[in-house]
Each structure stands twice: as structure tokens, then as C-alpha cells.
Amino acid sequence: MGAVMFYHLTQRPLTDTLRMLIEKSLTAGWRVSVRGTDPAGLEALDAALWLGGEDSFLPHGIAGGAHDGLQPVLLGTDGSNANNAQCLMAVHSAPITAQDAAAMERVCILFDGYDEEQLNHARGQWKTLTGAGVSAQYWSEESGRWEKKAEA
């Protein structure tokens, strides 16, 4: 069973943190599934991921294409694991279950620290997942760099 990492975003935009985590995951040899709740929001992330720095290239696609299984990073809303990912990243309050955590090496839940709805959703996920015995860590960038603030 993989660990669930909660990332409380207060300093950097979602796209920057997502890019950093995806790059680390790919370096570890993992495929990544990015789960969202809004197709338009995922399309915006898709466009932003193509606009990285000159030395940064993140091959990825949006679920529903003919080559989903070949994508190292696949963005989608349906919860399937069409690219056989080892790492699942949840954005825009996408639901994560204990079964999702058990199926992955790592799960990352990214949430906007200035959005009360996302904060409440993340708090509920923490309680549900840790209550189900899932190992979890809470990371904050409040100080300007990522620091682990809690572990269960």
C-alpha cells in the first residue's frame, strides 16, 4: 500500500507544484495518473504542462485518446488507470479512496490553501484515509519551502 501525501498550496500555483511532482515521479520510473473533477480544468492543466521551461518536457495526454496506455502521464476524470500508473495525483478535489492508495506506490493530493471548499475536502480525505489505516503525510509550503507538518 502506498503512502498518501497531502500538499497544501499557499505559495506556488498548482501547475508549478504538479510539474515538480510529476518530474520526480517520472525520475523514479513511475507512470502518473492525474485525476481531476472538471474536464475544462484538466484541459487548462494540459496546456500549462506543455509550457514548462526550455529544458523541461513532460510527455502527457488527456484520457480518451487512442494511445492512453502509452502515456507516461495521463490526465482524466473517470478514475481509471488506463496508463498503468504507479503514482496518482488528485487535483480540484478529486476523490481518493483507500483502494486507490492500496493500488499505487504513491498518491499526491494537491489542494489550494486559499479555497475553503478544497481545504474542507482535503481535511475530510485525511480523516477518511487515515481512519482506514492509510499512511499519510501532510506537507505545507507556508514557510516558502515544502515542510512535512504531520504524519499518520
N, C-alpha and C. Protein backbone atom coordinates (compact mmCIF):
# COMPACT_ATOMS: atom_id res chain seq x y z
N MET A 1 0.85 -1.18 0.00
CA MET A 1 0.00 0.00 0.00
C MET A 1 0.89 1.23 0.00
N GLY A 2 0.59 2.15 -0.89
CA GLY A 2 1.37 3.37 -0.99
C GLY A 2 0.94 4.43 0.01
N ALA A 3 1.81 5.38 0.19
CA ALA A 3 1.52 6.49 1.09
C ALA A 3 0.76 7.57 0.34
N VAL A 4 -0.02 8.32 1.09
CA VAL A 4 -0.74 9.47 0.54
C VAL A 4 -0.09 10.73 1.07
N MET A 5 0.30 11.61 0.15
CA MET A 5 0.93 12.88 0.50
C MET A 5 -0.04 14.01 0.20
N PHE A 6 -0.34 14.80 1.21
CA PHE A 6 -1.21 15.96 1.07
C PHE A 6 -0.34 17.20 0.89
N TYR A 7 -0.56 17.95 -0.19
CA TYR A 7 0.23 19.16 -0.47
C TYR A 7 -0.68 20.37 -0.39
N HIS A 8 -0.45 21.18 0.66
CA HIS A 8 -1.24 22.38 0.94
C HIS A 8 -0.57 23.56 0.23
N LEU A 9 -1.17 23.98 -0.89
CA LEU A 9 -0.57 25.02 -1.73
C LEU A 9 -0.92 26.41 -1.21
N THR A 10 0.11 27.18 -0.87
CA THR A 10 -0.11 28.56 -0.43
C THR A 10 0.86 29.54 -1.10
N GLN A 11 1.94 29.06 -1.66
CA GLN A 11 2.96 29.93 -2.24
C GLN A 11 3.07 29.81 -3.76
N ARG A 12 2.98 28.60 -4.25
CA ARG A 12 3.16 28.35 -5.69
C ARG A 12 1.84 27.94 -6.32
N PRO A 13 1.70 28.22 -7.61
CA PRO A 13 0.47 27.77 -8.28
C PRO A 13 0.45 26.25 -8.46
N LEU A 14 -0.74 25.73 -8.62
CA LEU A 14 -0.93 24.29 -8.81
C LEU A 14 -0.03 23.75 -9.91
N THR A 15 0.04 24.42 -11.05
CA THR A 15 0.80 23.90 -12.17
C THR A 15 2.28 23.73 -11.83
N ASP A 16 2.86 24.65 -11.07
CA ASP A 16 4.27 24.53 -10.70
C ASP A 16 4.51 23.33 -9.80
N THR A 17 3.65 23.15 -8.80
CA THR A 17 3.81 22.03 -7.88
C THR A 17 3.53 20.71 -8.60
N LEU A 18 2.51 20.69 -9.42
CA LEU A 18 2.19 19.48 -10.18
C LEU A 18 3.35 19.09 -11.08
N ARG A 19 3.91 20.05 -11.77
CA ARG A 19 5.06 19.79 -12.66
C ARG A 19 6.23 19.20 -11.85
N MET A 20 6.54 19.79 -10.70
CA MET A 20 7.64 19.31 -9.86
C MET A 20 7.40 17.86 -9.42
N LEU A 21 6.18 17.57 -8.98
CA LEU A 21 5.87 16.22 -8.51
C LEU A 21 5.86 15.20 -9.66
N ILE A 22 5.37 15.62 -10.81
CA ILE A 22 5.38 14.72 -11.97
C ILE A 22 6.82 14.42 -12.37
N GLU A 23 7.66 15.43 -12.42
CA GLU A 23 9.06 15.22 -12.79
C GLU A 23 9.74 14.24 -11.83
N LYS A 24 9.49 14.39 -10.52
CA LYS A 24 10.07 13.47 -9.53
C LYS A 24 9.55 12.05 -9.74
N SER A 25 8.27 11.94 -10.04
CA SER A 25 7.67 10.62 -10.25
C SER A 25 8.25 9.94 -11.48
N LEU A 26 8.39 10.68 -12.56
CA LEU A 26 8.96 10.11 -13.78
C LEU A 26 10.42 9.71 -13.55
N THR A 27 11.15 10.51 -12.80
CA THR A 27 12.54 10.18 -12.46
C THR A 27 12.61 8.88 -11.66
N ALA A 28 11.60 8.64 -10.82
CA ALA A 28 11.54 7.40 -10.04
C ALA A 28 11.13 6.20 -10.90
N GLY A 29 10.78 6.46 -12.16
CA GLY A 29 10.38 5.38 -13.05
C GLY A 29 8.89 5.07 -13.02
N TRP A 30 8.10 5.93 -12.42
CA TRP A 30 6.67 5.72 -12.31
C TRP A 30 5.92 6.41 -13.44
N ARG A 31 4.84 5.77 -13.85
CA ARG A 31 3.85 6.45 -14.69
C ARG A 31 2.91 7.19 -13.74
N VAL A 32 2.28 8.24 -14.25
CA VAL A 32 1.46 9.10 -13.40
C VAL A 32 0.06 9.24 -13.99
N SER A 33 -0.92 9.17 -13.11
CA SER A 33 -2.29 9.48 -13.47
C SER A 33 -2.68 10.74 -12.68
N VAL A 34 -3.16 11.77 -13.38
CA VAL A 34 -3.64 12.98 -12.74
C VAL A 34 -5.15 12.95 -12.81
N ARG A 35 -5.79 12.88 -11.63
CA ARG A 35 -7.25 12.78 -11.56
C ARG A 35 -7.83 14.14 -11.16
N GLY A 36 -8.73 14.63 -11.98
CA GLY A 36 -9.42 15.88 -11.68
C GLY A 36 -10.92 15.65 -11.67
N THR A 37 -11.66 16.73 -11.47
CA THR A 37 -13.11 16.64 -11.42
C THR A 37 -13.77 17.41 -12.55
N ASP A 38 -12.99 18.22 -13.25
CA ASP A 38 -13.54 19.12 -14.26
C ASP A 38 -12.74 19.00 -15.55
N PRO A 39 -13.37 18.54 -16.65
CA PRO A 39 -12.63 18.42 -17.91
C PRO A 39 -11.98 19.74 -18.36
N ALA A 40 -12.66 20.85 -18.16
CA ALA A 40 -12.08 22.14 -18.56
C ALA A 40 -10.84 22.46 -17.71
N GLY A 41 -10.90 22.13 -16.43
CA GLY A 41 -9.75 22.34 -15.57
C GLY A 41 -8.57 21.48 -15.98
N LEU A 42 -8.83 20.25 -16.40
CA LEU A 42 -7.75 19.38 -16.87
C LEU A 42 -7.19 19.85 -18.20
N GLU A 43 -8.04 20.40 -19.06
CA GLU A 43 -7.54 20.96 -20.31
C GLU A 43 -6.61 22.14 -20.05
N ALA A 44 -6.94 22.95 -19.05
CA ALA A 44 -6.08 24.08 -18.68
C ALA A 44 -4.74 23.56 -18.13
N LEU A 45 -4.78 22.51 -17.31
CA LEU A 45 -3.54 21.92 -16.81
C LEU A 45 -2.72 21.32 -17.95
N ASP A 46 -3.40 20.67 -18.88
CA ASP A 46 -2.74 20.09 -20.05
C ASP A 46 -1.96 21.17 -20.79
N ALA A 47 -2.59 22.29 -21.07
CA ALA A 47 -1.93 23.39 -21.78
C ALA A 47 -0.76 23.92 -20.96
N ALA A 48 -0.94 24.08 -19.65
CA ALA A 48 0.13 24.62 -18.80
C ALA A 48 1.32 23.67 -18.71
N LEU A 49 1.07 22.37 -18.71
CA LEU A 49 2.17 21.42 -18.63
C LEU A 49 3.04 21.43 -19.88
N TRP A 50 2.48 21.83 -21.00
CA TRP A 50 3.27 21.94 -22.23
C TRP A 50 4.16 23.18 -22.21
N LEU A 51 3.89 24.11 -21.31
CA LEU A 51 4.60 25.39 -21.31
C LEU A 51 5.69 25.46 -20.24
N GLY A 52 6.33 24.37 -19.95
CA GLY A 52 7.39 24.36 -18.95
C GLY A 52 8.63 25.08 -19.46
N GLY A 53 9.68 25.06 -18.67
CA GLY A 53 10.94 25.70 -19.05
C GLY A 53 11.55 25.05 -20.28
N GLU A 54 12.55 25.71 -20.82
CA GLU A 54 13.20 25.23 -22.04
C GLU A 54 13.76 23.82 -21.89
N ASP A 55 14.29 23.51 -20.72
CA ASP A 55 14.91 22.21 -20.50
C ASP A 55 13.94 21.19 -19.90
N SER A 56 12.66 21.52 -19.91
CA SER A 56 11.68 20.65 -19.28
C SER A 56 10.66 20.20 -20.31
N PHE A 57 10.49 18.89 -20.40
CA PHE A 57 9.47 18.33 -21.29
C PHE A 57 8.74 17.24 -20.53
N LEU A 58 7.44 17.41 -20.39
CA LEU A 58 6.62 16.42 -19.71
C LEU A 58 5.65 15.79 -20.70
N PRO A 59 6.01 14.64 -21.24
CA PRO A 59 5.10 13.97 -22.16
C PRO A 59 3.84 13.55 -21.43
N HIS A 60 2.69 13.92 -21.97
CA HIS A 60 1.43 13.60 -21.31
C HIS A 60 0.28 13.70 -22.30
N GLY A 61 -0.87 13.26 -21.84
CA GLY A 61 -2.07 13.35 -22.67
C GLY A 61 -3.31 13.39 -21.80
N ILE A 62 -4.43 13.66 -22.46
CA ILE A 62 -5.73 13.67 -21.78
C ILE A 62 -6.42 12.35 -22.11
N ALA A 63 -6.98 11.72 -21.09
CA ALA A 63 -7.64 10.42 -21.26
C ALA A 63 -8.73 10.48 -22.32
N GLY A 64 -8.86 9.37 -23.02
CA GLY A 64 -9.87 9.27 -24.06
C GLY A 64 -9.27 9.14 -25.44
N GLY A 65 -7.95 9.18 -25.53
CA GLY A 65 -7.27 9.07 -26.81
C GLY A 65 -6.94 7.63 -27.15
N ALA A 66 -6.51 7.43 -28.36
CA ALA A 66 -6.19 6.09 -28.84
C ALA A 66 -4.95 5.50 -28.17
N HIS A 67 -4.10 6.35 -27.60
CA HIS A 67 -2.83 5.87 -27.04
C HIS A 67 -2.72 6.10 -25.54
N ASP A 68 -3.84 6.05 -24.83
CA ASP A 68 -3.83 6.28 -23.38
C ASP A 68 -2.85 5.36 -22.66
N GLY A 69 -2.81 4.11 -23.05
CA GLY A 69 -1.95 3.13 -22.39
C GLY A 69 -0.47 3.41 -22.54
N LEU A 70 -0.10 4.22 -23.52
CA LEU A 70 1.30 4.53 -23.75
C LEU A 70 1.76 5.82 -23.08
N GLN A 71 0.83 6.57 -22.52
CA GLN A 71 1.15 7.87 -21.94
C GLN A 71 1.87 7.71 -20.60
N PRO A 72 3.03 8.36 -20.43
CA PRO A 72 3.68 8.32 -19.12
C PRO A 72 2.91 9.12 -18.08
N VAL A 73 2.17 10.14 -18.53
CA VAL A 73 1.33 10.95 -17.66
C VAL A 73 -0.02 11.10 -18.36
N LEU A 74 -1.08 10.73 -17.65
CA LEU A 74 -2.42 10.78 -18.25
C LEU A 74 -3.36 11.55 -17.33
N LEU A 75 -4.00 12.57 -17.88
CA LEU A 75 -4.95 13.40 -17.14
C LEU A 75 -6.36 12.93 -17.44
N GLY A 76 -7.17 12.73 -16.41
CA GLY A 76 -8.54 12.27 -16.63
C GLY A 76 -9.44 12.49 -15.43
N THR A 77 -10.71 12.22 -15.64
CA THR A 77 -11.71 12.41 -14.59
C THR A 77 -12.38 11.11 -14.16
N ASP A 78 -12.21 10.05 -14.91
CA ASP A 78 -13.02 8.85 -14.67
C ASP A 78 -12.47 7.89 -13.62
N GLY A 79 -11.27 8.10 -13.15
CA GLY A 79 -10.73 7.23 -12.11
C GLY A 79 -10.12 5.95 -12.63
N SER A 80 -10.10 5.76 -13.94
CA SER A 80 -9.47 4.54 -14.46
C SER A 80 -7.95 4.72 -14.43
N ASN A 81 -7.25 3.64 -14.59
CA ASN A 81 -5.80 3.68 -14.62
C ASN A 81 -5.34 3.15 -15.97
N ALA A 82 -5.75 3.85 -17.01
CA ALA A 82 -5.53 3.39 -18.38
C ALA A 82 -4.05 3.31 -18.76
N ASN A 83 -3.20 4.06 -18.08
CA ASN A 83 -1.77 4.01 -18.42
C ASN A 83 -0.96 3.21 -17.40
N ASN A 84 -1.64 2.43 -16.56
CA ASN A 84 -0.98 1.60 -15.55
C ASN A 84 -0.03 2.40 -14.67
N ALA A 85 -0.52 3.52 -14.16
CA ALA A 85 0.29 4.42 -13.33
C ALA A 85 0.60 3.80 -11.98
N GLN A 86 1.76 4.18 -11.45
CA GLN A 86 2.14 3.80 -10.09
C GLN A 86 1.93 4.97 -9.13
N CYS A 87 1.71 6.16 -9.69
CA CYS A 87 1.50 7.36 -8.89
C CYS A 87 0.23 8.06 -9.35
N LEU A 88 -0.63 8.37 -8.40
CA LEU A 88 -1.88 9.06 -8.68
C LEU A 88 -1.84 10.43 -8.04
N MET A 89 -2.14 11.46 -8.81
CA MET A 89 -2.18 12.83 -8.29
C MET A 89 -3.59 13.35 -8.44
N ALA A 90 -4.15 13.82 -7.33
CA ALA A 90 -5.52 14.33 -7.32
C ALA A 90 -5.49 15.85 -7.25
N VAL A 91 -6.25 16.49 -8.13
CA VAL A 91 -6.37 17.94 -8.17
C VAL A 91 -7.85 18.31 -8.18
N HIS A 92 -8.15 19.55 -7.85
CA HIS A 92 -9.52 20.08 -7.91
C HIS A 92 -10.50 19.24 -7.09
N SER A 93 -10.06 18.76 -5.93
CA SER A 93 -10.89 17.98 -5.01
C SER A 93 -11.38 16.66 -5.59
N ALA A 94 -10.57 16.03 -6.42
CA ALA A 94 -10.92 14.71 -6.95
C ALA A 94 -10.92 13.70 -5.80
N PRO A 95 -11.87 12.78 -5.81
CA PRO A 95 -11.95 11.80 -4.72
C PRO A 95 -10.82 10.77 -4.78
N ILE A 96 -10.33 10.40 -3.60
CA ILE A 96 -9.33 9.36 -3.44
C ILE A 96 -9.84 8.40 -2.37
N THR A 97 -9.73 7.12 -2.65
CA THR A 97 -10.19 6.10 -1.70
C THR A 97 -9.00 5.32 -1.15
N ALA A 98 -9.25 4.56 -0.09
CA ALA A 98 -8.22 3.68 0.45
C ALA A 98 -7.81 2.65 -0.60
N GLN A 99 -8.75 2.23 -1.45
CA GLN A 99 -8.43 1.29 -2.52
C GLN A 99 -7.48 1.92 -3.53
N ASP A 100 -7.68 3.22 -3.82
CA ASP A 100 -6.75 3.92 -4.72
C ASP A 100 -5.34 3.89 -4.13
N ALA A 101 -5.23 4.19 -2.84
CA ALA A 101 -3.93 4.21 -2.17
C ALA A 101 -3.28 2.83 -2.19
N ALA A 102 -4.07 1.80 -1.98
CA ALA A 102 -3.54 0.44 -1.97
C ALA A 102 -3.01 0.02 -3.34
N ALA A 103 -3.57 0.58 -4.40
CA ALA A 103 -3.18 0.20 -5.75
C ALA A 103 -1.97 0.96 -6.28
N MET A 104 -1.52 1.98 -5.55
CA MET A 104 -0.45 2.85 -6.03
C MET A 104 0.78 2.80 -5.13
N GLU A 105 1.91 3.16 -5.71
CA GLU A 105 3.12 3.36 -4.91
C GLU A 105 2.99 4.66 -4.11
N ARG A 106 2.35 5.67 -4.73
CA ARG A 106 2.22 6.98 -4.10
C ARG A 106 0.95 7.65 -4.61
N VAL A 107 0.30 8.37 -3.72
CA VAL A 107 -0.83 9.21 -4.07
C VAL A 107 -0.52 10.61 -3.56
N CYS A 108 -0.72 11.62 -4.40
CA CYS A 108 -0.50 13.01 -4.02
C CYS A 108 -1.82 13.75 -4.16
N ILE A 109 -2.22 14.41 -3.08
CA ILE A 109 -3.44 15.21 -3.10
C ILE A 109 -3.00 16.67 -2.99
N LEU A 110 -3.26 17.44 -4.04
CA LEU A 110 -2.87 18.84 -4.08
C LEU A 110 -4.11 19.69 -3.89
N PHE A 111 -4.03 20.65 -2.96
CA PHE A 111 -5.20 21.49 -2.72
C PHE A 111 -4.79 22.92 -2.43
N ASP A 112 -5.63 23.84 -2.87
CA ASP A 112 -5.41 25.28 -2.75
C ASP A 112 -5.70 25.73 -1.33
N GLY A 113 -4.71 26.27 -0.66
CA GLY A 113 -4.86 26.70 0.71
C GLY A 113 -5.75 27.92 0.90
N TYR A 114 -6.12 28.58 -0.19
CA TYR A 114 -6.98 29.76 -0.11
C TYR A 114 -8.40 29.49 -0.57
N ASP A 115 -8.70 28.21 -0.84
CA ASP A 115 -10.03 27.81 -1.28
C ASP A 115 -10.66 26.97 -0.17
N GLU A 116 -11.62 27.54 0.53
CA GLU A 116 -12.23 26.88 1.70
C GLU A 116 -12.83 25.52 1.34
N GLU A 117 -13.43 25.41 0.17
CA GLU A 117 -14.03 24.14 -0.25
C GLU A 117 -12.95 23.07 -0.42
N GLN A 118 -11.83 23.43 -1.06
CA GLN A 118 -10.75 22.47 -1.23
C GLN A 118 -10.11 22.10 0.11
N LEU A 119 -9.96 23.08 1.00
CA LEU A 119 -9.42 22.80 2.33
C LEU A 119 -10.30 21.79 3.08
N ASN A 120 -11.60 22.03 3.07
CA ASN A 120 -12.52 21.13 3.76
C ASN A 120 -12.52 19.74 3.15
N HIS A 121 -12.44 19.68 1.82
CA HIS A 121 -12.39 18.38 1.14
C HIS A 121 -11.13 17.62 1.55
N ALA A 122 -9.99 18.31 1.58
CA ALA A 122 -8.73 17.67 1.96
C ALA A 122 -8.77 17.19 3.41
N ARG A 123 -9.34 18.00 4.29
CA ARG A 123 -9.47 17.58 5.69
C ARG A 123 -10.32 16.31 5.81
N GLY A 124 -11.40 16.27 5.06
CA GLY A 124 -12.25 15.08 5.06
C GLY A 124 -11.52 13.86 4.52
N GLN A 125 -10.74 14.06 3.46
CA GLN A 125 -9.97 12.94 2.90
C GLN A 125 -8.93 12.44 3.89
N TRP A 126 -8.28 13.37 4.59
CA TRP A 126 -7.30 12.97 5.60
C TRP A 126 -7.95 12.07 6.64
N LYS A 127 -9.09 12.49 7.18
CA LYS A 127 -9.79 11.72 8.20
C LYS A 127 -10.23 10.36 7.67
N THR A 128 -10.79 10.34 6.48
CA THR A 128 -11.28 9.09 5.89
C THR A 128 -10.14 8.12 5.62
N LEU A 129 -9.08 8.62 4.99
CA LEU A 129 -7.98 7.74 4.60
C LEU A 129 -7.19 7.25 5.81
N THR A 130 -6.85 8.14 6.73
CA THR A 130 -6.11 7.68 7.90
C THR A 130 -6.98 6.79 8.78
N GLY A 131 -8.28 7.07 8.80
CA GLY A 131 -9.20 6.21 9.54
C GLY A 131 -9.28 4.81 8.96
N ALA A 132 -8.98 4.68 7.67
CA ALA A 132 -8.97 3.38 7.01
C ALA A 132 -7.60 2.71 7.09
N GLY A 133 -6.67 3.34 7.82
CA GLY A 133 -5.35 2.74 8.00
C GLY A 133 -4.33 3.11 6.95
N VAL A 134 -4.64 4.07 6.10
CA VAL A 134 -3.70 4.50 5.06
C VAL A 134 -2.65 5.42 5.68
N SER A 135 -1.40 5.18 5.33
CA SER A 135 -0.30 6.03 5.77
C SER A 135 -0.39 7.37 5.03
N ALA A 136 -0.31 8.48 5.78
CA ALA A 136 -0.46 9.79 5.15
C ALA A 136 0.52 10.79 5.73
N GLN A 137 0.92 11.73 4.90
CA GLN A 137 1.76 12.84 5.32
C GLN A 137 1.14 14.14 4.83
N TYR A 138 1.27 15.17 5.66
CA TYR A 138 0.77 16.50 5.31
C TYR A 138 1.97 17.41 5.12
N TRP A 139 2.06 18.03 3.92
CA TRP A 139 3.16 18.91 3.56
C TRP A 139 2.63 20.31 3.33
N SER A 140 3.34 21.29 3.88
CA SER A 140 2.96 22.70 3.74
C SER A 140 4.13 23.49 3.18
N GLU A 141 3.81 24.48 2.36
CA GLU A 141 4.85 25.36 1.83
C GLU A 141 4.72 26.76 2.43
N GLU A 142 4.07 26.84 3.57
CA GLU A 142 3.80 28.11 4.23
C GLU A 142 5.07 28.93 4.46
N SER A 143 6.18 28.26 4.76
CA SER A 143 7.43 28.95 5.05
C SER A 143 8.18 29.36 3.78
N GLY A 144 7.67 28.94 2.61
CA GLY A 144 8.35 29.22 1.35
C GLY A 144 9.05 28.00 0.78
N ARG A 145 9.17 26.96 1.59
CA ARG A 145 9.69 25.68 1.10
C ARG A 145 8.84 24.57 1.69
N TRP A 146 8.84 23.41 1.05
CA TRP A 146 8.00 22.31 1.48
C TRP A 146 8.53 21.72 2.78
N GLU A 147 7.65 21.60 3.78
CA GLU A 147 7.99 21.01 5.07
C GLU A 147 6.88 20.04 5.48
N LYS A 148 7.30 18.88 5.99
CA LYS A 148 6.33 17.91 6.50
C LYS A 148 5.85 18.41 7.85
N LYS A 149 4.52 18.55 7.98
CA LYS A 149 3.92 19.10 9.21
C LYS A 149 3.21 18.04 10.04
N ALA A 150 2.79 16.95 9.40
CA ALA A 150 2.06 15.90 10.13
C ALA A 150 2.22 14.57 9.41
N GLU A 151 2.08 13.50 10.18
CA GLU A 151 2.17 12.15 9.63
C GLU A 151 1.26 11.24 10.42
N ALA A 152 0.56 10.38 9.74
CA ALA A 152 -0.33 9.43 10.40
C ALA A 152 -0.19 8.06 9.75
